[in-house]
Amino acid sequence: MPSFKQPTFEERQALAEKAREKALKKLADKPKMDEATIAKRKAAQEAREAAAKEKSAAKREAREQAKAEKAAAAKAKAEAEAVPEPTEEELKAARDAKYAARKARKKKG
């Protein structure tokens, strides 16, 4: 004789109904929270959300500041490496030197 009997569909359905009723009764018997506890939890949740929002804003601000500093450093580096444009007098002096060199070559050769 087998020690285990396979339950029928009706038996399983009845067991499930009993379990459902038991869970609903347990949920109904659970004591309700008082208003002070609810308010305290809500305030704590709002404080956590505000702290998270502040942390996120600080992180975003730091990221933007780092980006601005990097751009400023790149601009300063570009300005430092840039060759200043020659003045009118410097251009004239260079042109005159070039012409004088050409004239000297013509006389020599």
Protein backbone atom coordinates (compact mmCIF):
# COMPACT_ATOMS: atom_id res chain seq x y z
CA MET A 1 0.00 0.00 0.00
CA PRO A 2 1.49 3.39 -1.02
CA SER A 3 2.13 5.91 1.75
CA PHE A 4 1.29 8.94 -0.41
CA LYS A 5 -2.09 9.54 -1.99
CA GLN A 6 -2.28 12.03 -4.83
CA PRO A 7 -4.85 14.73 -3.86
CA THR A 8 -7.70 15.35 -6.24
CA PHE A 9 -8.43 18.69 -7.85
CA GLU A 10 -11.27 19.37 -5.40
CA GLU A 11 -9.01 18.66 -2.41
CA ARG A 12 -6.30 20.98 -3.73
CA GLN A 13 -8.89 23.66 -4.42
CA ALA A 14 -10.24 23.36 -0.88
CA LEU A 15 -6.73 23.58 0.62
CA ALA A 16 -6.00 26.68 -1.45
CA GLU A 17 -9.25 28.29 -0.30
CA LYS A 18 -8.41 27.54 3.35
CA ALA A 19 -4.93 29.02 2.92
CA ARG A 20 -6.40 32.13 1.27
CA GLU A 21 -8.92 32.58 4.09
CA LYS A 22 -6.20 32.13 6.70
CA ALA A 23 -3.98 34.75 5.02
CA LEU A 24 -6.87 37.22 4.75
CA LYS A 25 -7.78 36.68 8.41
CA LYS A 26 -4.16 37.22 9.46
CA LEU A 27 -4.03 40.43 7.41
CA ALA A 28 -7.31 41.67 8.90
CA ASP A 29 -6.14 40.90 12.45
CA LYS A 30 -2.94 42.89 11.97
CA PRO A 31 -3.01 45.96 14.21
CA LYS A 32 -3.39 49.28 12.40
CA MET A 33 -0.63 51.89 12.67
CA ASP A 34 -1.47 55.01 14.61
CA GLU A 35 -1.32 58.45 12.98
CA ALA A 36 1.86 59.44 14.85
CA THR A 37 3.80 56.49 13.44
CA ILE A 38 2.51 57.16 9.94
CA ALA A 39 3.48 60.84 10.18
CA LYS A 40 6.91 59.92 11.56
CA ARG A 41 7.59 57.48 8.71
CA LYS A 42 6.36 59.98 6.12
CA ALA A 43 8.64 62.70 7.53
CA ALA A 44 11.60 60.30 7.50
CA GLN A 45 10.88 59.37 3.87
CA GLU A 46 10.65 63.04 2.86
CA ALA A 47 13.94 63.75 4.64
CA ARG A 48 15.63 60.87 2.76
CA GLU A 49 14.25 62.13 -0.54
CA ALA A 50 15.42 65.69 0.18
CA ALA A 51 18.90 64.44 1.12
CA ALA A 52 19.08 62.37 -2.07
CA LYS A 53 17.95 65.33 -4.16
CA GLU A 54 20.54 67.59 -2.49
CA LYS A 55 23.29 65.02 -3.03
CA SER A 56 22.31 64.68 -6.68
CA ALA A 57 22.33 68.46 -7.15
CA ALA A 58 25.74 68.74 -5.48
CA LYS A 59 27.13 65.97 -7.69
CA ARG A 60 25.71 67.63 -10.81
CA GLU A 61 27.15 71.01 -9.74
CA ALA A 62 30.57 69.45 -9.12
CA ARG A 63 30.47 67.76 -12.53
CA GLU A 64 29.58 71.04 -14.25
CA GLN A 65 32.28 72.91 -12.32
CA ALA A 66 34.90 70.32 -13.30
CA LYS A 67 33.77 70.61 -16.91
CA ALA A 68 34.06 74.41 -16.78
CA GLU A 69 37.53 74.21 -15.17
CA LYS A 70 38.67 71.76 -17.83
CA ALA A 71 37.40 74.06 -20.58
CA ALA A 72 39.10 77.06 -18.97
CA ALA A 73 42.37 75.13 -18.69
CA ALA A 74 42.16 74.09 -22.33
CA LYS A 75 41.47 77.68 -23.37
CA ALA A 76 44.38 78.98 -21.28
CA LYS A 77 46.67 76.34 -22.78
CA ALA A 78 45.56 77.26 -26.29
CA GLU A 79 46.17 80.94 -25.57
CA ALA A 80 49.60 80.18 -24.11
CA GLU A 81 50.60 78.14 -27.16
CA ALA A 82 49.16 80.61 -29.66
CA VAL A 83 51.67 82.73 -31.50
CA PRO A 84 50.75 86.40 -31.21
CA GLU A 85 49.99 88.11 -34.51
CA PRO A 86 52.81 90.38 -35.68
CA THR A 87 52.24 94.11 -35.59
CA GLU A 88 52.30 96.35 -38.66
CA GLU A 89 55.84 97.45 -37.91
CA GLU A 90 57.06 93.85 -37.58
CA LEU A 91 55.41 92.90 -40.89
CA LYS A 92 57.01 95.91 -42.61
CA ALA A 93 60.43 95.06 -41.14
CA ALA A 94 60.15 91.43 -42.29
CA ARG A 95 59.07 92.50 -45.76
CA ASP A 96 61.93 94.99 -46.01
CA ALA A 97 64.43 92.33 -44.87
CA LYS A 98 63.11 89.93 -47.50
CA TYR A 99 63.47 92.53 -50.24
CA ALA A 100 66.94 93.49 -49.03
CA ALA A 101 67.99 89.81 -49.08
CA ARG A 102 66.69 89.40 -52.62
CA LYS A 103 68.50 92.55 -53.72
CA ALA A 104 71.72 91.32 -52.12
CA ARG A 105 71.42 87.98 -53.93
CA LYS A 106 70.88 89.71 -57.26
CA LYS A 107 73.98 91.87 -56.75
CA LYS A 108 76.05 88.87 -55.70
CA GLY A 109 74.96 86.52 -58.41
